[in-house]
Every structure is written in structure tokens, then in C-alpha cells.
């Protein structure tokens, strides 16, 4: 998957609060679809649809061990998205720092006038 498409998939997956909650739960370890569905009051098919979005984005993996069908986080799955966010955070932090410096300078000049 090309980088832009991957970023679209990751940010799209993260755009829904239920999917973010599922990822938060999976930080504690592997869980079944039923375990993941329980706190949300959703049907298993509804949770499965959310999990498919997360899986397609490469954020989670699934495993089968007998009757147990588990979901788990994939290591470094969001590294490209994290890098993209970091680049933009650095840009905006610099811009906001420059704006603060300008405001301080303007404030200082008006005090001296």
C-alpha cells in the first residue's frame, strides 16, 4: 500500500471513537471479539466491522487458536502516521513560537510608546 493510502486508512480508522477504544483495550493484550464488544453494547457483527477497518489499516492482527479468535495490536503499525504527525507538530510549534515572539515584541513596543 502506498504511503498516502496507508495514512488515509490509519487516520480513517482512528476517526471513530469506538475504534480508538478498541485499540486502547488491545494495548492491555490480545482479546476476543466478544471481549471487545462487551463494554460497547454492540453486536458482534458491528464490532467485527470496526475490527475489519482497523485490520485493513494495518493497526491490528487476528489469530485463530482452536475456537479462540483473538485480536492484537501490531507493533509499529502507526509509525508512518506518527512520523507525519510529528513533522506537522514541529512545523506548527515553530509557527506558534514565532507568533508568540511577534506578539511579545508588539506588546513591548506599545509599552515604550
PDB file of N, CA and C in Angstrom:
ATOM      1  N   UNK A   1       0.860  -1.174   0.000  1.00  0.00           N
ATOM      2  CA  UNK A   1       0.000   0.000   0.000  1.00  0.00           C
ATOM      3  C   UNK A   1       0.906   1.236   0.000  1.00  0.00           C
ATOM      4  N   UNK A   2       0.623   2.181  -0.869  1.00  0.00           N
ATOM      5  CA  UNK A   2       1.447   3.384  -0.906  1.00  0.00           C
ATOM      6  C   UNK A   2       1.226   4.210   0.368  1.00  0.00           C
ATOM      7  N   UNK A   3       2.179   5.062   0.674  1.00  0.00           N
ATOM      8  CA  UNK A   3       2.156   5.792   1.946  1.00  0.00           C
ATOM      9  C   UNK A   3       0.888   6.621   2.108  1.00  0.00           C
ATOM     10  N   UNK A   4       0.478   7.344   1.080  1.00  0.00           N
ATOM     11  CA  UNK A   4      -0.714   8.193   1.195  1.00  0.00           C
ATOM     12  C   UNK A   4      -1.958   7.361   1.489  1.00  0.00           C
ATOM     13  N   UNK A   5      -2.100   6.235   0.808  1.00  0.00           N
ATOM     14  CA  UNK A   5      -3.259   5.368   1.030  1.00  0.00           C
ATOM     15  C   UNK A   5      -3.218   4.779   2.439  1.00  0.00           C
ATOM     16  N   UNK A   6      -2.017   4.434   2.884  1.00  0.00           N
ATOM     17  CA  UNK A   6      -1.885   3.892   4.236  1.00  0.00           C
ATOM     18  C   UNK A   6      -2.267   4.944   5.280  1.00  0.00           C
ATOM     19  N   UNK A   7      -1.788   6.179   5.094  1.00  0.00           N
ATOM     20  CA  UNK A   7      -2.151   7.249   6.026  1.00  0.00           C
ATOM     21  C   UNK A   7      -3.659   7.485   6.021  1.00  0.00           C
ATOM     22  N   UNK A   8      -4.271   7.471   4.844  1.00  0.00           N
ATOM     23  CA  UNK A   8      -5.730   7.626   4.764  1.00  0.00           C
ATOM     24  C   UNK A   8      -6.432   6.534   5.562  1.00  0.00           C
ATOM     25  N   UNK A   9      -5.964   5.301   5.405  1.00  0.00           N
ATOM     26  CA  UNK A   9      -6.586   4.173   6.112  1.00  0.00           C
ATOM     27  C   UNK A   9      -6.401   4.301   7.619  1.00  0.00           C
ATOM     28  N   UNK A  10      -5.196   4.670   8.062  1.00  0.00           N
ATOM     29  CA  UNK A  10      -4.934   4.803   9.504  1.00  0.00           C
ATOM     30  C   UNK A  10      -5.769   5.929  10.103  1.00  0.00           C
ATOM     31  N   UNK A  11      -5.721   7.115   9.482  1.00  0.00           N
ATOM     32  CA  UNK A  11      -6.484   8.239  10.038  1.00  0.00           C
ATOM     33  C   UNK A  11      -7.985   7.987   9.949  1.00  0.00           C
ATOM     34  N   UNK A  12      -8.433   7.313   8.887  1.00  0.00           N
ATOM     35  CA  UNK A  12      -9.846   6.952   8.795  1.00  0.00           C
ATOM     36  C   UNK A  12     -10.248   5.996   9.905  1.00  0.00           C
ATOM     37  N   UNK A  13      -9.380   5.032  10.189  1.00  0.00           N
ATOM     38  CA  UNK A  13      -9.667   4.071  11.260  1.00  0.00           C
ATOM     39  C   UNK A  13      -9.700   4.771  12.618  1.00  0.00           C
ATOM     40  N   UNK A  14      -8.806   5.727  12.813  1.00  0.00           N
ATOM     41  CA  UNK A  14      -8.734   6.432  14.096  1.00  0.00           C
ATOM     42  C   UNK A  14      -9.835   7.477  14.258  1.00  0.00           C
ATOM     43  N   UNK A  15     -10.563   7.765  13.188  1.00  0.00           N
ATOM     44  CA  UNK A  15     -11.581   8.809  13.234  1.00  0.00           C
ATOM     45  C   UNK A  15     -12.813   8.422  14.049  1.00  0.00           C
ATOM     46  N   UNK A  16     -12.979   7.160  14.347  1.00  0.00           N
ATOM     47  CA  UNK A  16     -14.181   6.711  15.068  1.00  0.00           C
ATOM     48  C   UNK A  16     -13.829   6.365  16.509  1.00  0.00           C
ATOM     49  N   UNK A  17     -14.616   6.884  17.438  1.00  0.00           N
ATOM     50  CA  UNK A  17     -14.323   6.693  18.868  1.00  0.00           C
ATOM     51  C   UNK A  17     -14.349   5.220  19.285  1.00  0.00           C
ATOM     52  N   UNK A  18     -15.220   4.423  18.699  1.00  0.00           N
ATOM     53  CA  UNK A  18     -15.265   3.002  19.056  1.00  0.00           C
ATOM     54  C   UNK A  18     -13.967   2.314  18.660  1.00  0.00           C
ATOM     55  N   UNK A  19     -13.450   2.628  17.476  1.00  0.00           N
ATOM     56  CA  UNK A  19     -12.197   2.009  17.044  1.00  0.00           C
ATOM     57  C   UNK A  19     -11.025   2.457  17.921  1.00  0.00           C
ATOM     58  N   UNK A  20     -11.022   3.730  18.334  1.00  0.00           N
ATOM     59  CA  UNK A  20      -9.965   4.176  19.245  1.00  0.00           C
ATOM     60  C   UNK A  20     -10.076   3.439  20.579  1.00  0.00           C
ATOM     61  N   UNK A  21     -11.296   3.226  21.052  1.00  0.00           N
ATOM     62  CA  UNK A  21     -11.494   2.491  22.313  1.00  0.00           C
ATOM     63  C   UNK A  21     -11.030   1.037  22.164  1.00  0.00           C
ATOM     64  N   UNK A  22     -11.269   0.437  21.017  1.00  0.00           N
ATOM     65  CA  UNK A  22     -10.814  -0.938  20.786  1.00  0.00           C
ATOM     66  C   UNK A  22      -9.288  -1.001  20.822  1.00  0.00           C
ATOM     67  N   UNK A  23      -8.628  -0.036  20.204  1.00  0.00           N
ATOM     68  CA  UNK A  23      -7.164  -0.003  20.234  1.00  0.00           C
ATOM     69  C   UNK A  23      -6.648   0.186  21.661  1.00  0.00           C
ATOM     70  N   UNK A  24      -7.326   1.045  22.416  1.00  0.00           N
ATOM     71  CA  UNK A  24      -6.932   1.260  23.812  1.00  0.00           C
ATOM     72  C   UNK A  24      -7.045  -0.038  24.593  1.00  0.00           C
ATOM     73  N   UNK A  25      -8.127  -0.770  24.390  1.00  0.00           N
ATOM     74  CA  UNK A  25      -8.295  -2.058  25.080  1.00  0.00           C
ATOM     75  C   UNK A  25      -7.211  -3.044  24.671  1.00  0.00           C
ATOM     76  N   UNK A  26      -6.865  -3.073  23.401  1.00  0.00           N
ATOM     77  CA  UNK A  26      -5.874  -4.032  22.907  1.00  0.00           C
ATOM     78  C   UNK A  26      -4.454  -3.712  23.387  1.00  0.00           C
ATOM     79  N   UNK A  27      -4.231  -2.517  23.904  1.00  0.00           N
ATOM     80  CA  UNK A  27      -2.913  -2.218  24.494  1.00  0.00           C
ATOM     81  C   UNK A  27      -2.644  -3.128  25.689  1.00  0.00           C
ATOM     82  N   UNK A  28      -3.708  -3.582  26.344  1.00  0.00           N
ATOM     83  CA  UNK A  28      -3.548  -4.474  27.514  1.00  0.00           C
ATOM     84  C   UNK A  28      -3.261  -5.906  27.097  1.00  0.00           C
ATOM     85  N   UNK A  29      -3.470  -6.237  25.830  1.00  0.00           N
ATOM     86  CA  UNK A  29      -3.219  -7.590  25.355  1.00  0.00           C
ATOM     87  C   UNK A  29      -4.315  -8.089  24.438  1.00  0.00           C
ATOM     88  N   UNK A  30      -4.072  -9.261  23.898  1.00  0.00           N
ATOM     89  CA  UNK A  30      -4.989  -9.882  22.955  1.00  0.00           C
ATOM     90  C   UNK A  30      -6.366 -10.067  23.576  1.00  0.00           C
ATOM     91  N   UNK A  31      -7.400  -9.953  22.756  1.00  0.00           N
ATOM     92  CA  UNK A  31      -8.770 -10.118  23.233  1.00  0.00           C
ATOM     93  C   UNK A  31      -9.615 -10.718  22.122  1.00  0.00           C
ATOM     94  N   UNK A  32     -10.677 -11.408  22.524  1.00  0.00           N
ATOM     95  CA  UNK A  32     -11.616 -11.962  21.553  1.00  0.00           C
ATOM     96  C   UNK A  32     -12.597 -10.877  21.115  1.00  0.00           C
ATOM     97  N   UNK A  33     -13.295 -11.143  20.026  1.00  0.00           N
ATOM     98  CA  UNK A  33     -14.303 -10.201  19.546  1.00  0.00           C
ATOM     99  C   UNK A  33     -15.364  -9.987  20.625  1.00  0.00           C
ATOM    100  N   UNK A  34     -15.762 -11.046  21.302  1.00  0.00           N
ATOM    101  CA  UNK A  34     -16.750 -10.927  22.374  1.00  0.00           C
ATOM    102  C   UNK A  34     -16.268 -10.049  23.512  1.00  0.00           C
ATOM    103  N   UNK A  35     -15.002 -10.214  23.905  1.00  0.00           N
ATOM    104  CA  UNK A  35     -14.433  -9.374  24.960  1.00  0.00           C
ATOM    105  C   UNK A  35     -14.398  -7.913  24.532  1.00  0.00           C
ATOM    106  N   UNK A  36     -14.087  -7.689  23.270  1.00  0.00           N
ATOM    107  CA  UNK A  36     -14.025  -6.324  22.769  1.00  0.00           C
ATOM    108  C   UNK A  36     -15.411  -5.695  22.647  1.00  0.00           C
ATOM    109  N   UNK A  37     -16.414  -6.498  22.329  1.00  0.00           N
ATOM    110  CA  UNK A  37     -17.774  -5.987  22.150  1.00  0.00           C
ATOM    111  C   UNK A  37     -18.456  -5.655  23.475  1.00  0.00           C
ATOM    112  N   UNK A  38     -18.148  -6.399  24.522  1.00  0.00           N
ATOM    113  CA  UNK A  38     -18.882  -6.293  25.790  1.00  0.00           C
ATOM    114  C   UNK A  38     -19.056  -4.866  26.323  1.00  0.00           C
ATOM    115  N   UNK A  39     -18.009  -4.074  26.449  1.00  0.00           N
ATOM    116  CA  UNK A  39     -18.211  -2.746  27.043  1.00  0.00           C
ATOM    117  C   UNK A  39     -18.931  -1.748  26.133  1.00  0.00           C
ATOM    118  N   UNK A  40     -19.131  -2.095  24.880  1.00  0.00           N
ATOM    119  CA  UNK A  40     -19.723  -1.149  23.937  1.00  0.00           C
ATOM    120  C   UNK A  40     -21.209  -1.382  23.691  1.00  0.00           C
ATOM    121  N   UNK A  41     -21.743  -2.479  24.185  1.00  0.00           N
ATOM    122  CA  UNK A  41     -23.149  -2.767  23.964  1.00  0.00           C
ATOM    123  C   UNK A  41     -23.477  -2.901  22.478  1.00  0.00           C
ATOM    124  N   UNK A  42     -22.523  -3.402  21.721  1.00  0.00           N
ATOM    125  CA  UNK A  42     -22.719  -3.584  20.281  1.00  0.00           C
ATOM    126  C   UNK A  42     -22.804  -5.067  19.963  1.00  0.00           C
ATOM    127  N   UNK A  43     -23.401  -5.332  18.842  1.00  0.00           N
ATOM    128  CA  UNK A  43     -23.455  -6.722  18.389  1.00  0.00           C
ATOM    129  C   UNK A  43     -22.073  -7.150  17.912  1.00  0.00           C
ATOM    130  N   UNK A  44     -21.860  -8.461  17.886  1.00  0.00           N
ATOM    131  CA  UNK A  44     -20.588  -8.975  17.387  1.00  0.00           C
ATOM    132  C   UNK A  44     -20.334  -8.577  15.922  1.00  0.00           C
ATOM    133  N   UNK A  45     -21.372  -8.605  15.061  1.00  0.00           N
ATOM    134  CA  UNK A  45     -21.126  -8.159  13.686  1.00  0.00           C
ATOM    135  C   UNK A  45     -20.709  -6.681  13.596  1.00  0.00           C
ATOM    136  N   UNK A  46     -21.279  -5.838  14.460  1.00  0.00           N
ATOM    137  CA  UNK A  46     -20.913  -4.411  14.441  1.00  0.00           C
ATOM    138  C   UNK A  46     -19.461  -4.224  14.871  1.00  0.00           C
ATOM    139  N   UNK A  47     -19.046  -4.923  15.922  1.00  0.00           N
ATOM    140  CA  UNK A  47     -17.650  -4.837  16.365  1.00  0.00           C
ATOM    141  C   UNK A  47     -16.735  -5.425  15.298  1.00  0.00           C
ATOM    142  N   UNK A  48     -17.159  -6.499  14.671  1.00  0.00           N
ATOM    143  CA  UNK A  48     -16.357  -7.114  13.608  1.00  0.00           C
ATOM    144  C   UNK A  48     -16.114  -6.148  12.460  1.00  0.00           C
ATOM    145  N   UNK A  49     -17.116  -5.336  12.128  1.00  0.00           N
ATOM    146  CA  UNK A  49     -16.925  -4.343  11.059  1.00  0.00           C
ATOM    147  C   UNK A  49     -15.869  -3.320  11.463  1.00  0.00           C
ATOM    148  N   UNK A  50     -15.902  -2.874  12.720  1.00  0.00           N
ATOM    149  CA  UNK A  50     -14.878  -1.945  13.208  1.00  0.00           C
ATOM    150  C   UNK A  50     -13.495  -2.598  13.177  1.00  0.00           C
ATOM    151  N   UNK A  51     -13.438  -3.854  13.573  1.00  0.00           N
ATOM    152  CA  UNK A  51     -12.157  -4.563  13.575  1.00  0.00           C
ATOM    153  C   UNK A  51     -11.606  -4.735  12.160  1.00  0.00           C
ATOM    154  N   UNK A  52     -12.491  -4.932  11.189  1.00  0.00           N
ATOM    155  CA  UNK A  52     -12.040  -5.058   9.804  1.00  0.00           C
ATOM    156  C   UNK A  52     -11.399  -3.748   9.324  1.00  0.00           C
ATOM    157  N   UNK A  53     -11.954  -2.625   9.739  1.00  0.00           N
ATOM    158  CA  UNK A  53     -11.374  -1.323   9.374  1.00  0.00           C
ATOM    159  C   UNK A  53      -9.982  -1.193   9.991  1.00  0.00           C
ATOM    160  N   UNK A  54      -9.856  -1.566  11.266  1.00  0.00           N
ATOM    161  CA  UNK A  54      -8.558  -1.495  11.942  1.00  0.00           C
ATOM    162  C   UNK A  54      -7.556  -2.455  11.305  1.00  0.00           C
ATOM    163  N   UNK A  55      -8.033  -3.628  10.928  1.00  0.00           N
ATOM    164  CA  UNK A  55      -7.150  -4.614  10.301  1.00  0.00           C
ATOM    165  C   UNK A  55      -6.702  -4.141   8.915  1.00  0.00           C
ATOM    166  N   UNK A  56      -7.625  -3.593   8.147  1.00  0.00           N
ATOM    167  CA  UNK A  56      -7.284  -3.097   6.812  1.00  0.00           C
ATOM    168  C   UNK A  56      -6.267  -1.958   6.895  1.00  0.00           C
ATOM    169  N   UNK A  57      -6.340  -1.165   7.954  1.00  0.00           N
ATOM    170  CA  UNK A  57      -5.394  -0.067   8.160  1.00  0.00           C
ATOM    171  C   UNK A  57      -4.048  -0.570   8.670  1.00  0.00           C
ATOM    172  N   UNK A  58      -3.980  -1.862   8.994  1.00  0.00           N
ATOM    173  CA  UNK A  58      -2.727  -2.434   9.474  1.00  0.00           C
ATOM    174  C   UNK A  58      -2.441  -2.155  10.937  1.00  0.00           C
ATOM    175  N   UNK A  59      -3.482  -1.787  11.693  1.00  0.00           N
ATOM    176  CA  UNK A  59      -3.295  -1.465  13.108  1.00  0.00           C
ATOM    177  C   UNK A  59      -3.421  -2.680  14.014  1.00  0.00           C
ATOM    178  N   UNK A  60      -4.186  -3.668  13.568  1.00  0.00           N
ATOM    179  CA  UNK A  60      -4.362  -4.882  14.375  1.00  0.00           C
ATOM    180  C   UNK A  60      -4.154  -6.122  13.499  1.00  0.00           C
ATOM    181  N   UNK A  61      -3.915  -7.225  14.177  1.00  0.00           N
ATOM    182  CA  UNK A  61      -3.849  -8.519  13.533  1.00  0.00           C
ATOM    183  C   UNK A  61      -4.841  -9.439  14.208  1.00  0.00           C
ATOM    184  N   UNK A  62      -5.137 -10.525  13.556  1.00  0.00           N
ATOM    185  CA  UNK A  62      -6.056 -11.516  14.122  1.00  0.00           C
ATOM    186  C   UNK A  62      -5.363 -12.864  14.140  1.00  0.00           C
ATOM    187  N   UNK A  63      -5.746 -13.663  15.136  1.00  0.00           N
ATOM    188  CA  UNK A  63      -5.196 -15.008  15.240  1.00  0.00           C
ATOM    189  C   UNK A  63      -6.328 -15.976  15.559  1.00  0.00           C
ATOM    190  N   UNK A  64      -6.109 -17.224  15.193  1.00  0.00           N
ATOM    191  CA  UNK A  64      -7.086 -18.271  15.476  1.00  0.00           C
ATOM    192  C   UNK A  64      -6.354 -19.392  16.190  1.00  0.00           C
ATOM    193  N   UNK A  65      -6.872 -19.752  17.348  1.00  0.00           N
ATOM    194  CA  UNK A  65      -6.314 -20.861  18.122  1.00  0.00           C
ATOM    195  C   UNK A  65      -7.486 -21.708  18.574  1.00  0.00           C
ATOM    196  N   UNK A  66      -7.799 -22.735  17.801  1.00  0.00           N
ATOM    197  CA  UNK A  66      -8.988 -23.547  18.090  1.00  0.00           C
ATOM    198  C   UNK A  66     -10.229 -22.696  17.873  1.00  0.00           C
ATOM    199  N   UNK A  67     -11.054 -22.574  18.912  1.00  0.00           N
ATOM    200  CA  UNK A  67     -12.257 -21.752  18.822  1.00  0.00           C
ATOM    201  C   UNK A  67     -11.985 -20.289  19.174  1.00  0.00           C
ATOM    202  N   UNK A  68     -10.828 -20.030  19.767  1.00  0.00           N
ATOM    203  CA  UNK A  68     -10.498 -18.654  20.163  1.00  0.00           C
ATOM    204  C   UNK A  68     -10.018 -17.869  18.948  1.00  0.00           C
ATOM    205  N   UNK A  69     -10.702 -16.782  18.679  1.00  0.00           N
ATOM    206  CA  UNK A  69     -10.318 -15.868  17.607  1.00  0.00           C
ATOM    207  C   UNK A  69      -9.931 -14.557  18.275  1.00  0.00           C
ATOM    208  N   UNK A  70      -8.629 -14.308  18.311  1.00  0.00           N
ATOM    209  CA  UNK A  70      -8.126 -13.148  19.016  1.00  0.00           C
ATOM    210  C   UNK A  70      -7.710 -12.013  18.110  1.00  0.00           C
ATOM    211  N   UNK A  71      -7.688 -10.838  18.693  1.00  0.00           N
ATOM    212  CA  UNK A  71      -7.207  -9.638  18.017  1.00  0.00           C
ATOM    213  C   UNK A  71      -6.081  -9.067  18.856  1.00  0.00           C
ATOM    214  N   UNK A  72      -5.082  -8.507  18.185  1.00  0.00           N
ATOM    215  CA  UNK A  72      -3.945  -7.928  18.895  1.00  0.00           C
ATOM    216  C   UNK A  72      -3.406  -6.742  18.104  1.00  0.00           C
ATOM    217  N   UNK A  73      -2.761  -5.833  18.815  1.00  0.00           N
ATOM    218  CA  UNK A  73      -2.124  -4.693  18.164  1.00  0.00           C
ATOM    219  C   UNK A  73      -0.907  -5.167  17.388  1.00  0.00           C
ATOM    220  N   UNK A  74      -0.632  -4.516  16.286  1.00  0.00           N
ATOM    221  CA  UNK A  74       0.579  -4.802  15.522  1.00  0.00           C
ATOM    222  C   UNK A  74       1.647  -3.782  15.910  1.00  0.00           C
ATOM    223  N   UNK A  75       2.849  -4.260  16.216  1.00  0.00           N
ATOM    224  CA  UNK A  75       3.908  -3.335  16.613  1.00  0.00           C
ATOM    225  C   UNK A  75       4.257  -2.383  15.467  1.00  0.00           C
ATOM    226  N   UNK A  76       4.480  -1.148  15.800  1.00  0.00           N
ATOM    227  CA  UNK A  76       4.861  -0.104  14.831  1.00  0.00           C
ATOM    228  C   UNK A  76       3.848   0.100  13.715  1.00  0.00           C
ATOM    229  N   UNK A  77       2.606  -0.286  13.947  1.00  0.00           N
ATOM    230  CA  UNK A  77       1.586  -0.175  12.904  1.00  0.00           C
ATOM    231  C   UNK A  77       1.312   1.274  12.519  1.00  0.00           C
ATOM    232  N   UNK A  78       1.427   2.175  13.452  1.00  0.00           N
ATOM    233  CA  UNK A  78       1.099   3.575  13.185  1.00  0.00           C
ATOM    234  C   UNK A  78       2.353   4.436  13.034  1.00  0.00           C
ATOM    235  N   UNK A  79       3.501   3.818  12.765  1.00  0.00           N
ATOM    236  CA  UNK A  79       4.749   4.588  12.726  1.00  0.00           C
ATOM    237  C   UNK A  79       4.746   5.643  11.620  1.00  0.00           C
ATOM    238  N   UNK A  80       4.202   5.340  10.444  1.00  0.00           N
ATOM    239  CA  UNK A  80       4.147   6.337   9.374  1.00  0.00           C
ATOM    240  C   UNK A  80       3.243   7.503   9.762  1.00  0.00           C
ATOM    241  N   UNK A  81       2.107   7.198  10.387  1.00  0.00           N
ATOM    242  CA  UNK A  81       1.203   8.258  10.815  1.00  0.00           C
ATOM    243  C   UNK A  81       1.845   9.094  11.918  1.00  0.00           C
ATOM    244  N   UNK A  82       2.553   8.436  12.820  1.00  0.00           N
ATOM    245  CA  UNK A  82       3.242   9.155  13.888  1.00  0.00           C
ATOM    246  C   UNK A  82       4.306  10.084  13.315  1.00  0.00           C
ATOM    247  N   UNK A  83       5.048   9.612  12.342  1.00  0.00           N
ATOM    248  CA  UNK A  83       6.069  10.450  11.692  1.00  0.00           C
ATOM    249  C   UNK A  83       5.430  11.649  11.011  1.00  0.00           C
ATOM    250  N   UNK A  84       4.328  11.415  10.321  1.00  0.00           N
ATOM    251  CA  UNK A  84       3.630  12.507   9.642  1.00  0.00           C
ATOM    252  C   UNK A  84       3.151  13.545  10.651  1.00  0.00           C
ATOM    253  N   UNK A  85       2.559  13.077  11.736  1.00  0.00           N
ATOM    254  CA  UNK A  85       2.080  13.998  12.774  1.00  0.00           C
ATOM    255  C   UNK A  85       3.237  14.768  13.406  1.00  0.00           C
ATOM    256  N   UNK A  86       4.342  14.104  13.642  1.00  0.00           N
ATOM    257  CA  UNK A  86       5.499  14.753  14.258  1.00  0.00           C
ATOM    258  C   UNK A  86       6.044  15.865  13.360  1.00  0.00           C
ATOM    259  N   UNK A  87       6.125  15.610  12.060  1.00  0.00           N
ATOM    260  CA  UNK A  87       6.582  16.641  11.129  1.00  0.00           C
ATOM    261  C   UNK A  87       5.685  17.876  11.200  1.00  0.00           C
ATOM    262  N   UNK A  88       4.388  17.644  11.241  1.00  0.00           N
ATOM    263  CA  UNK A  88       3.443  18.768  11.291  1.00  0.00           C
ATOM    264  C   UNK A  88       3.426  19.432  12.665  1.00  0.00           C
ATOM    265  N   UNK A  89       3.616  18.658  13.711  1.00  0.00           N
ATOM    266  CA  UNK A  89       3.697  19.245  15.051  1.00  0.00           C
ATOM    267  C   UNK A  89       4.892  20.173  15.139  1.00  0.00           C
ATOM    268  N   UNK A  90       6.013  19.758  14.604  1.00  0.00           N
ATOM    269  CA  UNK A  90       7.219  20.578  14.614  1.00  0.00           C
ATOM    270  C   UNK A  90       6.980  21.878  13.853  1.00  0.00           C
ATOM    271  N   UNK A  91       6.350  21.787  12.691  1.00  0.00           N
ATOM    272  CA  UNK A  91       6.047  22.981  11.900  1.00  0.00           C
ATOM    273  C   UNK A  91       5.165  23.940  12.695  1.00  0.00           C
ATOM    274  N   UNK A  92       4.057  23.413  13.232  1.00  0.00           N
ATOM    275  CA  UNK A  92       3.109  24.290  13.923  1.00  0.00           C
ATOM    276  C   UNK A  92       3.667  24.832  15.225  1.00  0.00           C
ATOM    277  N   UNK A  93       4.469  24.049  15.909  1.00  0.00           N
ATOM    278  CA  UNK A  93       5.103  24.549  17.130  1.00  0.00           C
ATOM    279  C   UNK A  93       6.015  25.725  16.788  1.00  0.00           C
ATOM    280  N   UNK A  94       6.775  25.599  15.713  1.00  0.00           N
ATOM    281  CA  UNK A  94       7.635  26.695  15.267  1.00  0.00           C
ATOM    282  C   UNK A  94       6.835  27.923  14.893  1.00  0.00           C
ATOM    283  N   UNK A  95       5.734  27.730  14.194  1.00  0.00           N
ATOM    284  CA  UNK A  95       4.883  28.854  13.793  1.00  0.00           C
ATOM    285  C   UNK A  95       4.262  29.530  15.012  1.00  0.00           C
ATOM    286  N   UNK A  96       3.814  28.738  15.973  1.00  0.00           N
ATOM    287  CA  UNK A  96       3.213  29.311  17.174  1.00  0.00           C
ATOM    288  C   UNK A  96       4.254  30.033  18.025  1.00  0.00           C
ATOM    289  N   UNK A  97       5.462  29.499  18.084  1.00  0.00           N
ATOM    290  CA  UNK A  97       6.545  30.178  18.802  1.00  0.00           C
ATOM    291  C   UNK A  97       6.853  31.515  18.143  1.00  0.00           C
ATOM    292  N   UNK A  98       6.903  31.546  16.818  1.00  0.00           N
ATOM    293  CA  UNK A  98       7.157  32.794  16.096  1.00  0.00           C
ATOM    294  C   UNK A  98       6.038  33.799  16.341  1.00  0.00           C
ATOM    295  N   UNK A  99       4.805  33.339  16.380  1.00  0.00           N
ATOM    296  CA  UNK A  99       3.672  34.215  16.656  1.00  0.00           C
ATOM    297  C   UNK A  99       3.764  34.779  18.073  1.00  0.00           C
ATOM    298  N   UNK A 100       4.133  33.948  19.037  1.00  0.00           N
ATOM    299  CA  UNK A 100       4.286  34.413  20.421  1.00  0.00           C
ATOM    300  C   UNK A 100       5.396  35.457  20.518  1.00  0.00           C
ATOM    301  N   UNK A 101       6.509  35.221  19.820  1.00  0.00           N
ATOM    302  CA  UNK A 101       7.603  36.195  19.813  1.00  0.00           C
ATOM    303  C   UNK A 101       7.148  37.517  19.211  1.00  0.00           C
ATOM    304  N   UNK A 102       6.406  37.452  18.123  1.00  0.00           N
ATOM    305  CA  UNK A 102       5.897  38.657  17.475  1.00  0.00           C
ATOM    306  C   UNK A 102       4.952  39.410  18.410  1.00  0.00           C
ATOM    307  N   UNK A 103       4.054  38.673  19.072  1.00  0.00           N
ATOM    308  CA  UNK A 103       3.115  39.313  19.999  1.00  0.00           C
ATOM    309  C   UNK A 103       3.869  39.963  21.157  1.00  0.00           C
ATOM    310  N   UNK A 104       4.887  39.291  21.678  1.00  0.00           N
ATOM    311  CA  UNK A 104       5.702  39.870  22.755  1.00  0.00           C
ATOM    312  C   UNK A 104       6.389  41.144  22.283  1.00  0.00           C
ATOM    313  N   UNK A 105       6.921  41.102  21.067  1.00  0.00           N
ATOM    314  CA  UNK A 105       7.611  42.273  20.510  1.00  0.00           C
ATOM    315  C   UNK A 105       6.621  43.441  20.354  1.00  0.00           C
ATOM    316  N   UNK A 106       5.446  43.157  19.837  1.00  0.00           N
ATOM    317  CA  UNK A 106       4.443  44.201  19.659  1.00  0.00           C
ATOM    318  C   UNK A 106       4.003  44.769  21.004  1.00  0.00           C
ATOM    319  N   UNK A 107       3.858  43.896  21.976  1.00  0.00           N
ATOM    320  CA  UNK A 107       3.463  44.329  23.318  1.00  0.00           C
ATOM    321  C   UNK A 107       4.545  45.197  23.927  1.00  0.00           C
ATOM    322  N   UNK A 108       5.798  44.817  23.753  1.00  0.00           N
ATOM    323  CA  UNK A 108       6.928  45.568  24.282  1.00  0.00           C
ATOM    324  C   UNK A 108       7.026  46.942  23.617  1.00  0.00           C
ATOM    325  N   UNK A 109       6.795  47.017  22.313  1.00  0.00           N
ATOM    326  CA  UNK A 109       6.861  48.287  21.599  1.00  0.00           C
ATOM    327  C   UNK A 109       5.756  49.224  22.016  1.00  0.00           C
ATOM    328  N   UNK A 110       4.541  48.694  22.298  1.00  0.00           N
ATOM    329  CA  UNK A 110       3.451  49.572  22.705  1.00  0.00           C
ATOM    330  C   UNK A 110       3.645  50.089  24.122  1.00  0.00           C
ATOM    331  N   UNK A 111       4.364  49.353  24.958  1.00  0.00           N
ATOM    332  CA  UNK A 111       4.665  49.811  26.322  1.00  0.00           C
ATOM    333  C   UNK A 111       5.652  50.956  26.300  1.00  0.00           C
ATOM    334  N   UNK A 112       6.564  50.959  25.314  1.00  0.00           N
ATOM    335  CA  UNK A 112       7.571  52.002  25.234  1.00  0.00           C
ATOM    336  C   UNK A 112       7.065  53.260  24.548  1.00  0.00           C
ATOM    337  N   UNK A 113       5.947  53.185  23.871  1.00  0.00           N
ATOM    338  CA  UNK A 113       5.397  54.358  23.160  1.00  0.00           C
ATOM    339  C   UNK A 113       4.592  55.242  24.056  1.00  0.00           C
TER     340      UNK A 113
END
